[in-house]
Amino acid sequence: MVKKTLHAPMCLKIDENHQKCLLRYEDRSEYWSLFKDIHRGTVACQHTLFALHF
């Protein structure tokens, strides 16, 4: 069974041509994630990104 984890990273760069963005996590690690794997939510008019990693 694969455990899913939910993180709230900050988006550093967006590559619309390849449909991905560079995310920085709390531990300062950075990873590219595809748009399809990122879920957005809004809180007080600010966008929060949530990335799911499998």
PDB file of N, CA and C in Angstrom:
ATOM      1  N   MET A   1       0.843  -1.175   0.000  1.00  0.00           N
ATOM      2  CA  MET A   1       0.000   0.000   0.000  1.00  0.00           C
ATOM      3  C   MET A   1       0.891   1.241   0.000  1.00  0.00           C
ATOM      4  N   VAL A   2       0.589   2.180  -0.876  1.00  0.00           N
ATOM      5  CA  VAL A   2       1.369   3.411  -0.991  1.00  0.00           C
ATOM      6  C   VAL A   2       0.745   4.477  -0.112  1.00  0.00           C
ATOM      7  N   LYS A   3       1.581   5.103   0.700  1.00  0.00           N
ATOM      8  CA  LYS A   3       1.096   6.165   1.577  1.00  0.00           C
ATOM      9  C   LYS A   3       1.195   7.498   0.846  1.00  0.00           C
ATOM     10  N   LYS A   4       0.111   8.254   0.820  1.00  0.00           N
ATOM     11  CA  LYS A   4       0.103   9.560   0.180  1.00  0.00           C
ATOM     12  C   LYS A   4       0.420  10.614   1.231  1.00  0.00           C
ATOM     13  N   THR A   5       1.240  11.577   0.850  1.00  0.00           N
ATOM     14  CA  THR A   5       1.552  12.662   1.770  1.00  0.00           C
ATOM     15  C   THR A   5       1.125  13.979   1.147  1.00  0.00           C
ATOM     16  N   LEU A   6       0.709  14.903   1.987  1.00  0.00           N
ATOM     17  CA  LEU A   6       0.230  16.206   1.544  1.00  0.00           C
ATOM     18  C   LEU A   6       1.138  17.274   2.115  1.00  0.00           C
ATOM     19  N   HIS A   7       1.638  18.150   1.259  1.00  0.00           N
ATOM     20  CA  HIS A   7       2.539  19.216   1.672  1.00  0.00           C
ATOM     21  C   HIS A   7       2.004  20.545   1.160  1.00  0.00           C
ATOM     22  N   ALA A   8       2.411  21.634   1.783  1.00  0.00           N
ATOM     23  CA  ALA A   8       2.032  22.973   1.330  1.00  0.00           C
ATOM     24  C   ALA A   8       3.291  23.729   0.898  1.00  0.00           C
ATOM     25  N   PRO A   9       3.773  23.482  -0.322  1.00  0.00           N
ATOM     26  CA  PRO A   9       4.997  24.132  -0.799  1.00  0.00           C
ATOM     27  C   PRO A   9       4.735  25.529  -1.364  1.00  0.00           C
ATOM     28  N   MET A  10       5.810  26.245  -1.651  1.00  0.00           N
ATOM     29  CA  MET A  10       5.743  27.537  -2.309  1.00  0.00           C
ATOM     30  C   MET A  10       6.171  27.341  -3.763  1.00  0.00           C
ATOM     31  N   CYS A  11       5.439  27.944  -4.669  1.00  0.00           N
ATOM     32  CA  CYS A  11       5.763  27.838  -6.092  1.00  0.00           C
ATOM     33  C   CYS A  11       6.838  28.865  -6.442  1.00  0.00           C
ATOM     34  N   LEU A  12       7.960  28.402  -7.003  1.00  0.00           N
ATOM     35  CA  LEU A  12       9.067  29.291  -7.363  1.00  0.00           C
ATOM     36  C   LEU A  12       9.061  29.669  -8.837  1.00  0.00           C
ATOM     37  N   LYS A  13       8.792  28.697  -9.706  1.00  0.00           N
ATOM     38  CA  LYS A  13       8.789  28.926 -11.155  1.00  0.00           C
ATOM     39  C   LYS A  13       7.664  28.134 -11.788  1.00  0.00           C
ATOM     40  N   ILE A  14       7.138  28.671 -12.885  1.00  0.00           N
ATOM     41  CA  ILE A  14       6.096  27.981 -13.640  1.00  0.00           C
ATOM     42  C   ILE A  14       6.585  27.797 -15.070  1.00  0.00           C
ATOM     43  N   ASP A  15       6.485  26.573 -15.573  1.00  0.00           N
ATOM     44  CA  ASP A  15       6.835  26.249 -16.952  1.00  0.00           C
ATOM     45  C   ASP A  15       5.547  25.799 -17.642  1.00  0.00           C
ATOM     46  N   GLU A  16       4.856  26.768 -18.256  1.00  0.00           N
ATOM     47  CA  GLU A  16       3.566  26.454 -18.876  1.00  0.00           C
ATOM     48  C   GLU A  16       3.717  25.549 -20.093  1.00  0.00           C
ATOM     49  N   ASN A  17       4.828  25.656 -20.819  1.00  0.00           N
ATOM     50  CA  ASN A  17       5.038  24.808 -21.998  1.00  0.00           C
ATOM     51  C   ASN A  17       5.074  23.329 -21.638  1.00  0.00           C
ATOM     52  N   HIS A  18       5.672  23.006 -20.501  1.00  0.00           N
ATOM     53  CA  HIS A  18       5.776  21.612 -20.062  1.00  0.00           C
ATOM     54  C   HIS A  18       4.775  21.283 -18.957  1.00  0.00           C
ATOM     55  N   GLN A  19       3.892  22.232 -18.643  1.00  0.00           N
ATOM     56  CA  GLN A  19       2.828  22.059 -17.646  1.00  0.00           C
ATOM     57  C   GLN A  19       3.364  21.551 -16.312  1.00  0.00           C
ATOM     58  N   LYS A  20       4.350  22.298 -15.779  1.00  0.00           N
ATOM     59  CA  LYS A  20       4.910  21.933 -14.483  1.00  0.00           C
ATOM     60  C   LYS A  20       5.355  23.193 -13.752  1.00  0.00           C
ATOM     61  N   CYS A  21       5.587  23.053 -12.453  1.00  0.00           N
ATOM     62  CA  CYS A  21       6.130  24.174 -11.698  1.00  0.00           C
ATOM     63  C   CYS A  21       7.135  23.670 -10.671  1.00  0.00           C
ATOM     64  N   LEU A  22       8.068  24.554 -10.333  1.00  0.00           N
ATOM     65  CA  LEU A  22       9.112  24.244  -9.368  1.00  0.00           C
ATOM     66  C   LEU A  22       8.599  24.629  -7.987  1.00  0.00           C
ATOM     67  N   LEU A  23       8.585  23.658  -7.083  1.00  0.00           N
ATOM     68  CA  LEU A  23       8.058  23.869  -5.740  1.00  0.00           C
ATOM     69  C   LEU A  23       9.170  23.786  -4.709  1.00  0.00           C
ATOM     70  N   ARG A  24       9.099  24.665  -3.698  1.00  0.00           N
ATOM     71  CA  ARG A  24      10.050  24.606  -2.573  1.00  0.00           C
ATOM     72  C   ARG A  24       9.257  24.248  -1.319  1.00  0.00           C
ATOM     73  N   TYR A  25       9.783  23.264  -0.603  1.00  0.00           N
ATOM     74  CA  TYR A  25       9.139  22.764   0.606  1.00  0.00           C
ATOM     75  C   TYR A  25       9.776  23.368   1.855  1.00  0.00           C
ATOM     76  N   GLU A  26       9.168  23.109   3.006  1.00  0.00           N
ATOM     77  CA  GLU A  26       9.625  23.676   4.276  1.00  0.00           C
ATOM     78  C   GLU A  26      11.077  23.337   4.590  1.00  0.00           C
ATOM     79  N   ASP A  27      11.547  22.177   4.156  1.00  0.00           N
ATOM     80  CA  ASP A  27      12.939  21.783   4.420  1.00  0.00           C
ATOM     81  C   ASP A  27      13.908  22.345   3.365  1.00  0.00           C
ATOM     82  N   ARG A  28      13.404  23.259   2.533  1.00  0.00           N
ATOM     83  CA  ARG A  28      14.154  23.938   1.464  1.00  0.00           C
ATOM     84  C   ARG A  28      14.491  23.034   0.280  1.00  0.00           C
ATOM     85  N   SER A  29      13.939  21.847   0.230  1.00  0.00           N
ATOM     86  CA  SER A  29      14.117  20.996  -0.946  1.00  0.00           C
ATOM     87  C   SER A  29      13.239  21.547  -2.072  1.00  0.00           C
ATOM     88  N   GLU A  30      13.680  21.353  -3.306  1.00  0.00           N
ATOM     89  CA  GLU A  30      12.957  21.848  -4.470  1.00  0.00           C
ATOM     90  C   GLU A  30      12.746  20.717  -5.466  1.00  0.00           C
ATOM     91  N   TYR A  31      11.523  20.625  -5.994  1.00  0.00           N
ATOM     92  CA  TYR A  31      11.169  19.582  -6.958  1.00  0.00           C
ATOM     93  C   TYR A  31      10.215  20.155  -7.990  1.00  0.00           C
ATOM     94  N   TRP A  32      10.330  19.658  -9.221  1.00  0.00           N
ATOM     95  CA  TRP A  32       9.372  19.997 -10.261  1.00  0.00           C
ATOM     96  C   TRP A  32       8.172  19.065 -10.125  1.00  0.00           C
ATOM     97  N   SER A  33       6.973  19.618 -10.235  1.00  0.00           N
ATOM     98  CA  SER A  33       5.746  18.820 -10.196  1.00  0.00           C
ATOM     99  C   SER A  33       4.866  19.205 -11.377  1.00  0.00           C
ATOM    100  N   LEU A  34       4.235  18.208 -11.964  1.00  0.00           N
ATOM    101  CA  LEU A  34       3.309  18.458 -13.063  1.00  0.00           C
ATOM    102  C   LEU A  34       2.040  19.113 -12.534  1.00  0.00           C
ATOM    103  N   PHE A  35       1.426  19.977 -13.366  1.00  0.00           N
ATOM    104  CA  PHE A  35       0.189  20.642 -12.968  1.00  0.00           C
ATOM    105  C   PHE A  35      -0.870  19.630 -12.535  1.00  0.00           C
ATOM    106  N   LYS A  36      -0.929  18.484 -13.223  1.00  0.00           N
ATOM    107  CA  LYS A  36      -1.966  17.492 -12.918  1.00  0.00           C
ATOM    108  C   LYS A  36      -1.806  16.891 -11.520  1.00  0.00           C
ATOM    109  N   ASP A  37      -0.599  16.991 -10.937  1.00  0.00           N
ATOM    110  CA  ASP A  37      -0.337  16.440  -9.610  1.00  0.00           C
ATOM    111  C   ASP A  37      -0.448  17.482  -8.500  1.00  0.00           C
ATOM    112  N   ILE A  38      -0.786  18.709  -8.876  1.00  0.00           N
ATOM    113  CA  ILE A  38      -0.871  19.797  -7.900  1.00  0.00           C
ATOM    114  C   ILE A  38      -2.323  20.216  -7.748  1.00  0.00           C
ATOM    115  N   HIS A  39      -2.738  20.366  -6.518  1.00  0.00           N
ATOM    116  CA  HIS A  39      -4.100  20.799  -6.218  1.00  0.00           C
ATOM    117  C   HIS A  39      -4.025  22.132  -5.506  1.00  0.00           C
ATOM    118  N   ARG A  40      -4.811  23.102  -5.980  1.00  0.00           N
ATOM    119  CA  ARG A  40      -4.775  24.431  -5.385  1.00  0.00           C
ATOM    120  C   ARG A  40      -6.016  24.668  -4.540  1.00  0.00           C
ATOM    121  N   GLY A  41      -5.822  25.465  -3.498  1.00  0.00           N
ATOM    122  CA  GLY A  41      -6.926  25.920  -2.673  1.00  0.00           C
ATOM    123  C   GLY A  41      -6.721  27.394  -2.403  1.00  0.00           C
ATOM    124  N   THR A  42      -7.796  28.110  -2.092  1.00  0.00           N
ATOM    125  CA  THR A  42      -7.651  29.528  -1.794  1.00  0.00           C
ATOM    126  C   THR A  42      -8.020  29.776  -0.343  1.00  0.00           C
ATOM    127  N   VAL A  43      -7.221  30.593   0.300  1.00  0.00           N
ATOM    128  CA  VAL A  43      -7.461  30.985   1.686  1.00  0.00           C
ATOM    129  C   VAL A  43      -7.258  32.487   1.765  1.00  0.00           C
ATOM    130  N   ALA A  44      -8.293  33.220   2.112  1.00  0.00           N
ATOM    131  CA  ALA A  44      -8.225  34.678   2.255  1.00  0.00           C
ATOM    132  C   ALA A  44      -7.605  35.342   1.021  1.00  0.00           C
ATOM    133  N   CYS A  45      -8.066  34.933  -0.153  1.00  0.00           N
ATOM    134  CA  CYS A  45      -7.629  35.508  -1.430  1.00  0.00           C
ATOM    135  C   CYS A  45      -6.174  35.221  -1.776  1.00  0.00           C
ATOM    136  N   GLN A  46      -5.524  34.331  -1.066  1.00  0.00           N
ATOM    137  CA  GLN A  46      -4.157  33.951  -1.406  1.00  0.00           C
ATOM    138  C   GLN A  46      -4.179  32.501  -1.864  1.00  0.00           C
ATOM    139  N   HIS A  47      -3.397  32.202  -2.873  1.00  0.00           N
ATOM    140  CA  HIS A  47      -3.355  30.840  -3.394  1.00  0.00           C
ATOM    141  C   HIS A  47      -2.385  29.988  -2.591  1.00  0.00           C
ATOM    142  N   THR A  48      -2.828  28.833  -2.224  1.00  0.00           N
ATOM    143  CA  THR A  48      -1.994  27.867  -1.529  1.00  0.00           C
ATOM    144  C   THR A  48      -1.879  26.646  -2.422  1.00  0.00           C
ATOM    145  N   LEU A  49      -0.680  26.154  -2.607  1.00  0.00           N
ATOM    146  CA  LEU A  49      -0.459  24.967  -3.431  1.00  0.00           C
ATOM    147  C   LEU A  49      -0.325  23.739  -2.552  1.00  0.00           C
ATOM    148  N   PHE A  50      -0.897  22.657  -3.004  1.00  0.00           N
ATOM    149  CA  PHE A  50      -0.769  21.386  -2.308  1.00  0.00           C
ATOM    150  C   PHE A  50      -0.275  20.367  -3.314  1.00  0.00           C
ATOM    151  N   ALA A  51       0.827  19.739  -3.037  1.00  0.00           N
ATOM    152  CA  ALA A  51       1.386  18.742  -3.949  1.00  0.00           C
ATOM    153  C   ALA A  51       1.238  17.360  -3.333  1.00  0.00           C
ATOM    154  N   LEU A  52       0.796  16.425  -4.136  1.00  0.00           N
ATOM    155  CA  LEU A  52       0.673  15.043  -3.689  1.00  0.00           C
ATOM    156  C   LEU A  52       1.845  14.250  -4.234  1.00  0.00           C
ATOM    157  N   HIS A  53       2.537  13.539  -3.368  1.00  0.00           N
ATOM    158  CA  HIS A  53       3.658  12.697  -3.784  1.00  0.00           C
ATOM    159  C   HIS A  53       3.328  11.254  -3.445  1.00  0.00           C
ATOM    160  N   PHE A  54       3.607  10.366  -4.374  1.00  0.00           N
ATOM    161  CA  PHE A  54       3.307   8.950  -4.181  1.00  0.00           C
ATOM    162  C   PHE A  54       4.580   8.169  -4.065  1.00  0.00           C
TER     163      PHE A  54
END
